[in-house]
C-alpha atoms as a PDB file:
ATOM      1  CA  MET A   1     179.054  59.821 194.303  1.00  0.00           C
ATOM      2  CA  PHE A   2     178.463  63.090 196.168  1.00  0.00           C
ATOM      3  CA  ALA A   3     178.294  61.227 199.510  1.00  0.00           C
ATOM      4  CA  TRP A   4     181.763  59.859 198.741  1.00  0.00           C
ATOM      5  CA  ALA A   5     182.990  63.321 197.690  1.00  0.00           C
ATOM      6  CA  ILE A   6     181.770  64.836 200.963  1.00  0.00           C
ATOM      7  CA  GLY A   7     183.604  62.133 202.906  1.00  0.00           C
ATOM      8  CA  GLU A   8     186.780  62.925 200.966  1.00  0.00           C
ATOM      9  CA  GLY A   9     186.441  66.616 201.665  1.00  0.00           C
ATOM     10  CA  LEU A  10     186.026  67.469 197.993  1.00  0.00           C
ATOM     11  CA  VAL A  11     182.607  69.132 198.331  1.00  0.00           C
ATOM     12  CA  GLU A  12     180.586  70.508 201.240  1.00  0.00           C
ATOM     13  CA  ALA A  13     177.088  69.533 200.204  1.00  0.00           C
ATOM     14  CA  ASN A  14     175.148  67.083 198.030  1.00  0.00           C
ATOM     15  CA  PRO A  15     173.387  69.138 195.333  1.00  0.00           C
ATOM     16  CA  VAL A  16     171.170  66.238 194.225  1.00  0.00           C
ATOM     17  CA  ILE A  17     169.875  65.166 197.624  1.00  0.00           C
ATOM     18  CA  GLY A  18     166.153  64.426 197.534  1.00  0.00           C
ATOM     19  CA  THR A  19     166.133  63.829 193.795  1.00  0.00           C
ATOM     20  CA  ASN A  20     163.685  61.108 192.865  1.00  0.00           C
ATOM     21  CA  LYS A  21     164.907  58.020 191.081  1.00  0.00           C
ATOM     22  CA  ALA A  22     164.338  58.248 187.345  1.00  0.00           C
ATOM     23  CA  SER A  23     161.297  56.235 186.362  1.00  0.00           C
ATOM     24  CA  GLU A  24     161.948  53.199 184.214  1.00  0.00           C
ATOM     25  CA  SER A  25     160.881  53.363 180.604  1.00  0.00           C
ATOM     26  CA  LYS A  26     157.461  51.914 179.914  1.00  0.00           C
ATOM     27  CA  SER A  27     159.039  49.969 177.056  1.00  0.00           C
ATOM     28  CA  ARG A  28     160.351  47.504 179.657  1.00  0.00           C
ATOM     29  CA  GLU A  29     156.768  46.314 180.047  1.00  0.00           C
ATOM     30  CA  ARG A  30     155.871  46.360 176.355  1.00  0.00           C
ATOM     31  CA  VAL A  31     154.133  43.451 174.720  1.00  0.00           C
ATOM     32  CA  LEU A  32     154.167  44.127 171.019  1.00  0.00           C
ATOM     33  CA  SER A  33     151.024  43.552 168.992  1.00  0.00           C
ATOM     34  CA  ASP A  34     150.961  41.280 165.958  1.00  0.00           C
ATOM     35  CA  ALA A  35     150.856  44.354 163.722  1.00  0.00           C
ATOM     36  CA  GLU A  36     153.917  45.810 165.455  1.00  0.00           C
ATOM     37  CA  LEU A  37     155.825  42.550 165.181  1.00  0.00           C
ATOM     38  CA  ALA A  38     154.974  42.379 161.480  1.00  0.00           C
ATOM     39  CA  ALA A  39     156.170  45.962 161.020  1.00  0.00           C
ATOM     40  CA  ILE A  40     159.486  45.148 162.711  1.00  0.00           C
ATOM     41  CA  TRP A  41     159.920  42.013 160.597  1.00  0.00           C
ATOM     42  CA  LYS A  42     159.249  43.901 157.383  1.00  0.00           C
ATOM     43  CA  ALA A  43     161.563  46.763 158.397  1.00  0.00           C
ATOM     44  CA  ALA A  44     164.429  44.461 159.470  1.00  0.00           C
ATOM     45  CA  PRO A  45     167.331  45.005 157.058  1.00  0.00           C
ATOM     46  CA  ASP A  46     168.945  42.245 155.014  1.00  0.00           C
ATOM     47  CA  ASN A  47     172.091  42.114 157.137  1.00  0.00           C
ATOM     48  CA  ASP A  48     173.361  40.562 160.357  1.00  0.00           C
ATOM     49  CA  TYR A  49     171.286  42.822 162.565  1.00  0.00           C
ATOM     50  CA  GLY A  50     168.094  42.157 160.647  1.00  0.00           C
ATOM     51  CA  ARG A  51     168.660  38.401 160.868  1.00  0.00           C
ATOM     52  CA  ILE A  52     169.350  38.662 164.602  1.00  0.00           C
ATOM     53  CA  VAL A  53     166.099  40.577 165.111  1.00  0.00           C
ATOM     54  CA  LYS A  54     164.151  37.924 163.206  1.00  0.00           C
ATOM     55  CA  LEU A  55     165.767  35.106 165.187  1.00  0.00           C
ATOM     56  CA  LEU A  56     165.043  36.894 168.463  1.00  0.00           C
ATOM     57  CA  MET A  57     161.436  37.152 167.381  1.00  0.00           C
ATOM     58  CA  LEU A  58     161.195  33.493 166.342  1.00  0.00           C
ATOM     59  CA  THR A  59     163.163  31.883 169.193  1.00  0.00           C
ATOM     60  CA  ALA A  60     162.395  34.179 172.179  1.00  0.00           C
ATOM     61  CA  GLN A  61     166.027  33.989 173.289  1.00  0.00           C
ATOM     62  CA  ARG A  62     168.236  36.700 174.761  1.00  0.00           C
ATOM     63  CA  ARG A  63     170.061  39.251 172.644  1.00  0.00           C
ATOM     64  CA  GLU A  64     173.567  38.150 173.608  1.00  0.00           C
ATOM     65  CA  GLU A  65     172.746  34.486 173.075  1.00  0.00           C
ATOM     66  CA  ILE A  66     171.768  35.086 169.453  1.00  0.00           C
ATOM     67  CA  GLY A  67     174.220  37.918 168.799  1.00  0.00           C
ATOM     68  CA  GLY A  68     177.099  35.706 169.980  1.00  0.00           C
ATOM     69  CA  LEU A  69     175.893  32.552 168.229  1.00  0.00           C
ATOM     70  CA  ALA A  70     178.612  30.203 166.983  1.00  0.00           C
ATOM     71  CA  TRP A  71     178.306  27.919 163.974  1.00  0.00           C
ATOM     72  CA  SER A  72     179.267  24.999 166.212  1.00  0.00           C
ATOM     73  CA  GLU A  73     176.146  25.649 168.316  1.00  0.00           C
ATOM     74  CA  ILE A  74     173.828  25.068 165.347  1.00  0.00           C
ATOM     75  CA  ASP A  75     172.634  21.524 164.700  1.00  0.00           C
ATOM     76  CA  ARG A  76     171.200  21.615 161.194  1.00  0.00           C
ATOM     77  CA  THR A  77     170.193  17.959 161.240  1.00  0.00           C
ATOM     78  CA  GLY A  78     168.388  18.268 164.545  1.00  0.00           C
ATOM     79  CA  LYS A  79     167.120  21.762 163.655  1.00  0.00           C
ATOM     80  CA  LEU A  80     168.155  23.354 166.924  1.00  0.00           C
ATOM     81  CA  ILE A  81     170.589  25.680 168.642  1.00  0.00           C
ATOM     82  CA  ALA A  82     172.509  24.020 171.474  1.00  0.00           C
ATOM     83  CA  LEU A  83     173.711  26.701 173.869  1.00  0.00           C
ATOM     84  CA  PRO A  84     176.376  25.516 176.348  1.00  0.00           C
ATOM     85  CA  SER A  85     176.145  26.481 180.011  1.00  0.00           C
ATOM     86  CA  GLY A  86     178.770  29.195 179.624  1.00  0.00           C
ATOM     87  CA  ARG A  87     176.583  31.042 177.135  1.00  0.00           C
ATOM     88  CA  THR A  88     173.344  31.249 179.118  1.00  0.00           C
ATOM     89  CA  LYS A  89     172.330  33.661 181.869  1.00  0.00           C
ATOM     90  CA  ASN A  90     171.551  30.904 184.375  1.00  0.00           C
ATOM     91  CA  ASN A  91     174.604  28.807 183.445  1.00  0.00           C
ATOM     92  CA  ARG A  92     172.459  25.899 182.291  1.00  0.00           C
ATOM     93  CA  PRO A  93     172.795  24.324 178.839  1.00  0.00           C
ATOM     94  CA  HIS A  94     169.802  25.103 176.687  1.00  0.00           C
ATOM     95  CA  ASP A  95     168.517  23.609 173.429  1.00  0.00           C
ATOM     96  CA  VAL A  96     166.439  25.916 171.248  1.00  0.00           C
ATOM     97  CA  PRO A  97     164.364  24.153 168.576  1.00  0.00           C
ATOM     98  CA  LEU A  98     164.376  25.955 165.237  1.00  0.00           C
ATOM     99  CA  SER A  99     161.180  26.369 163.254  1.00  0.00           C
ATOM    100  CA  ASP A 100     161.343  26.350 159.466  1.00  0.00           C
ATOM    101  CA  PRO A 101     161.359  30.191 159.310  1.00  0.00           C
ATOM    102  CA  ALA A 102     164.196  30.302 161.855  1.00  0.00           C
ATOM    103  CA  MET A 103     166.165  27.767 159.836  1.00  0.00           C
ATOM    104  CA  ALA A 104     165.560  29.870 156.732  1.00  0.00           C
ATOM    105  CA  VAL A 105     167.022  32.924 158.470  1.00  0.00           C
ATOM    106  CA  LEU A 106     170.162  30.999 159.392  1.00  0.00           C
ATOM    107  CA  GLU A 107     170.467  29.482 155.929  1.00  0.00           C
ATOM    108  CA  SER A 108     170.409  33.010 154.497  1.00  0.00           C
ATOM    109  CA  THR A 109     173.382  33.998 156.672  1.00  0.00           C
ATOM    110  CA  PRO A 110     176.646  33.606 154.736  1.00  0.00           C
ATOM    111  CA  PRO A 111     179.565  32.219 156.792  1.00  0.00           C
ATOM    112  CA  ARG A 112     182.666  34.402 156.923  1.00  0.00           C
ATOM    113  CA  GLU A 113     185.902  32.602 156.147  1.00  0.00           C
ATOM    114  CA  GLY A 114     187.910  31.899 159.261  1.00  0.00           C
ATOM    115  CA  ARG A 115     185.178  33.158 161.615  1.00  0.00           C
ATOM    116  CA  ALA A 116     183.574  30.782 164.113  1.00  0.00           C
ATOM    117  CA  LEU A 117     180.724  33.131 165.009  1.00  0.00           C
ATOM    118  CA  VAL A 118     177.627  33.588 162.893  1.00  0.00           C
ATOM    119  CA  PHE A 119     177.185  37.343 163.268  1.00  0.00           C
ATOM    120  CA  GLY A 120     179.550  40.311 163.404  1.00  0.00           C
ATOM    121  CA  ILE A 121     183.021  40.881 162.066  1.00  0.00           C
ATOM    122  CA  GLY A 122     185.113  42.024 165.029  1.00  0.00           C
ATOM    123  CA  LYS A 123     186.261  40.363 168.210  1.00  0.00           C
ATOM    124  CA  GLY A 124     183.393  38.576 169.887  1.00  0.00           C
ATOM    125  CA  GLY A 125     179.811  38.514 168.666  1.00  0.00           C
ATOM    126  CA  TYR A 126     177.721  41.181 167.020  1.00  0.00           C
ATOM    127  CA  SER A 127     178.359  44.793 168.044  1.00  0.00           C
ATOM    128  CA  GLY A 128     176.875  48.101 166.985  1.00  0.00           C
ATOM    129  CA  TRP A 129     173.518  47.425 168.601  1.00  0.00           C
ATOM    130  CA  SER A 130     172.540  51.048 169.258  1.00  0.00           C
ATOM    131  CA  ARG A 131     173.205  52.363 165.766  1.00  0.00           C
ATOM    132  CA  SER A 132     171.443  49.426 164.129  1.00  0.00           C
ATOM    133  CA  LYS A 133     168.422  49.777 166.434  1.00  0.00           C
ATOM    134  CA  GLU A 134     168.146  53.478 165.620  1.00  0.00           C
ATOM    135  CA  ALA A 135     168.087  52.705 161.902  1.00  0.00           C
ATOM    136  CA  LEU A 136     165.426  50.027 162.429  1.00  0.00           C
ATOM    137  CA  ASP A 137     163.311  52.414 164.484  1.00  0.00           C
ATOM    138  CA  GLU A 138     163.447  55.009 161.728  1.00  0.00           C
ATOM    139  CA  SER A 139     162.180  52.431 159.272  1.00  0.00           C
ATOM    140  CA  ALA A 140     159.559  50.695 161.445  1.00  0.00           C
ATOM    141  CA  LYS A 141     158.146  53.932 162.913  1.00  0.00           C
ATOM    142  CA  LEU A 142     156.720  52.413 166.098  1.00  0.00           C
ATOM    143  CA  ALA A 143     156.337  53.651 169.655  1.00  0.00           C
ATOM    144  CA  PRO A 144     159.526  53.046 171.712  1.00  0.00           C
ATOM    145  CA  TRP A 145     160.400  49.388 172.138  1.00  0.00           C
ATOM    146  CA  THR A 146     163.428  47.273 173.010  1.00  0.00           C
ATOM    147  CA  LEU A 147     164.862  44.033 171.697  1.00  0.00           C
ATOM    148  CA  HIS A 148     163.932  42.392 174.987  1.00  0.00           C
ATOM    149  CA  ASP A 149     160.306  43.211 174.208  1.00  0.00           C
ATOM    150  CA  LEU A 150     160.543  40.633 171.409  1.00  0.00           C
ATOM    151  CA  ARG A 151     161.261  37.936 173.995  1.00  0.00           C
ATOM    152  CA  ARG A 152     158.443  39.091 176.276  1.00  0.00           C
ATOM    153  CA  SER A 153     156.030  39.360 173.370  1.00  0.00           C
ATOM    154  CA  ALA A 154     156.826  35.872 172.069  1.00  0.00           C
ATOM    155  CA  ALA A 155     156.326  34.385 175.539  1.00  0.00           C
ATOM    156  CA  THR A 156     153.038  36.218 176.013  1.00  0.00           C
ATOM    157  CA  ARG A 157     151.716  35.281 172.581  1.00  0.00           C
ATOM    158  CA  MET A 158     152.641  31.612 173.043  1.00  0.00           C
ATOM    159  CA  ALA A 159     150.653  31.605 176.272  1.00  0.00           C
ATOM    160  CA  ASP A 160     147.751  33.263 174.435  1.00  0.00           C
ATOM    161  CA  LEU A 161     147.933  30.479 171.860  1.00  0.00           C
ATOM    162  CA  GLY A 162     147.472  27.853 174.561  1.00  0.00           C
ATOM    163  CA  VAL A 163     151.076  26.857 175.314  1.00  0.00           C
ATOM    164  CA  GLY A 164     151.398  25.820 178.962  1.00  0.00           C
ATOM    165  CA  PRO A 165     153.348  28.126 181.291  1.00  0.00           C
ATOM    166  CA  HIS A 166     155.882  25.413 182.086  1.00  0.00           C
ATOM    167  CA  ILE A 167     156.591  24.993 178.379  1.00  0.00           C
ATOM    168  CA  VAL A 168     156.974  28.743 177.889  1.00  0.00           C
ATOM    169  CA  GLU A 169     159.434  28.748 180.799  1.00  0.00           C
ATOM    170  CA  ALA A 170     161.330  25.893 179.181  1.00  0.00           C
ATOM    171  CA  VAL A 171     161.543  27.818 175.900  1.00  0.00           C
ATOM    172  CA  LEU A 172     162.881  30.854 177.783  1.00  0.00           C
ATOM    173  CA  ASN A 173     165.290  28.703 179.822  1.00  0.00           C
ATOM    174  CA  HIS A 174     163.827  30.016 183.065  1.00  0.00           C
ATOM    175  CA  VAL A 175     164.330  28.085 186.290  1.00  0.00           C
ATOM    176  CA  SER A 176     161.470  29.683 188.217  1.00  0.00           C
ATOM    177  CA  GLY A 177     158.087  28.082 188.801  1.00  0.00           C
ATOM    178  CA  HIS A 178     158.067  24.380 187.902  1.00  0.00           C
ATOM    179  CA  LYS A 179     161.877  24.183 187.791  1.00  0.00           C
ATOM    180  CA  SER A 180     162.637  25.948 191.075  1.00  0.00           C
ATOM    181  CA  GLY A 181     163.232  24.477 194.518  1.00  0.00           C
ATOM    182  CA  VAL A 182     162.261  20.899 195.236  1.00  0.00           C
ATOM    183  CA  ALA A 183     160.224  20.653 192.038  1.00  0.00           C
ATOM    184  CA  GLY A 184     163.323  21.290 189.979  1.00  0.00           C
ATOM    185  CA  ILE A 185     165.228  18.518 191.725  1.00  0.00           C
ATOM    186  CA  TYR A 186     162.730  15.886 190.636  1.00  0.00           C
ATOM    187  CA  ASN A 187     161.612  17.336 187.314  1.00  0.00           C
ATOM    188  CA  ARG A 188     164.530  16.882 184.914  1.00  0.00           C
ATOM    189  CA  SER A 189     162.487  16.951 181.725  1.00  0.00           C
ATOM    190  CA  THR A 190     163.746  19.290 179.015  1.00  0.00           C
ATOM    191  CA  TYR A 191     160.362  19.279 177.244  1.00  0.00           C
ATOM    192  CA  ALA A 192     162.164  19.038 173.915  1.00  0.00           C
ATOM    193  CA  GLU A 193     159.138  18.002 171.843  1.00  0.00           C
ATOM    194  CA  GLU A 194     156.850  20.455 173.586  1.00  0.00           C
ATOM    195  CA  LYS A 195     159.286  23.321 173.050  1.00  0.00           C
ATOM    196  CA  ARG A 196     159.497  22.517 169.362  1.00  0.00           C
ATOM    197  CA  ALA A 197     155.715  22.376 169.043  1.00  0.00           C
ATOM    198  CA  ALA A 198     155.417  25.721 170.855  1.00  0.00           C
ATOM    199  CA  LEU A 199     157.981  27.482 168.669  1.00  0.00           C
ATOM    200  CA  ASP A 200     156.491  25.971 165.494  1.00  0.00           C
ATOM    201  CA  LEU A 201     153.089  27.245 166.581  1.00  0.00           C
ATOM    202  CA  TRP A 202     154.522  30.670 167.331  1.00  0.00           C
ATOM    203  CA  ALA A 203     156.313  30.816 163.966  1.00  0.00           C
ATOM    204  CA  SER A 204     153.075  29.912 162.200  1.00  0.00           C
ATOM    205  CA  HIS A 205     151.211  32.646 164.065  1.00  0.00           C
ATOM    206  CA  LEU A 206     153.920  35.153 163.222  1.00  0.00           C
ATOM    207  CA  ARG A 207     153.847  34.188 159.536  1.00  0.00           C
ATOM    208  CA  ILE A 208     150.107  34.808 159.478  1.00  0.00           C
ATOM    209  CA  ALA A 209     150.576  38.231 161.084  1.00  0.00           C
ATOM    210  CA  ILE A 210     153.233  39.163 158.525  1.00  0.00           C
ATOM    211  CA  ALA A 211     151.117  37.869 155.651  1.00  0.00           C
ATOM    212  CA  ALA A 212     148.125  39.846 156.907  1.00  0.00           C
ATOM    213  CA  ALA A 213     150.246  42.983 156.985  1.00  0.00           C
ATOM    214  CA  GLU A 214     151.240  42.292 153.385  1.00  0.00           C
ATOM    215  CA  GLY A 215     147.672  41.558 152.299  1.00  0.00           C
ATOM    216  CA  THR A 216     148.195  37.839 151.636  1.00  0.00           C
ATOM    217  CA  ASN A 217     146.825  34.701 153.265  1.00  0.00           C
ATOM    218  CA  VAL A 218     148.653  31.891 155.074  1.00  0.00           C
ATOM    219  CA  ARG A 219     146.988  28.792 156.502  1.00  0.00           C
ATOM    220  CA  LYS A 220     147.182  28.514 160.281  1.00  0.00           C
ATOM    221  CA  LEU A 221     149.234  25.705 161.831  1.00  0.00           C
ATOM    222  CA  HIS A 222     147.284  24.023 164.630  1.00  0.00           C
ATOM    223  CA  ARG A 223     149.024  23.153 167.885  1.00  0.00           C
ATOM    224  CA  ARG A 224     149.867  19.509 168.342  1.00  0.00           C
ATOM    225  CA  ALA A 225     148.332  17.830 171.377  1.00  0.00           C
END
């Protein structure tokens, strides 16, 4: 900005020359522990924002994809979210299998008469992210974290649980690795069954973490071969 101002003759010098670039927040690299995820789940309010947070945790999808979810994108019979190409970052259609806990979150969301979108009340999808996040942080009382950390944490934990990297990529709707370049031309598999098994496994793991935080026991769901 100051370089432009000098060129326009508005100022004579750049007062911020030599200033180092602000370091990025460490929260961008955060992988939340099971205890932290359980704390967030328990602190999530019983409203649109709380349900969005839980779905982000369970599905590992992007904030805008869940925040802008439409009822028409939910297949209750098939237990999945079908995102069209215009709603994904890479402009590729993406099916997101829904575990039983994810379905329960959606079933607890009351439709609003005349509104095609699941969350929010104004034009477009959910808004008010910052204020809602601040309230959640006050309740959860954790070190700084972001909603995107939920996606990173789910992907990392699925890998820890033995889910193959190509399946994790498929869940995230990434086109790197096995879906990039020549490999992507020949590999057209959507890994639908594998994605469902991975997200079911992840939901089971998350339920155990939440139960442990509450002092109760839940039987572990083993990964299907």
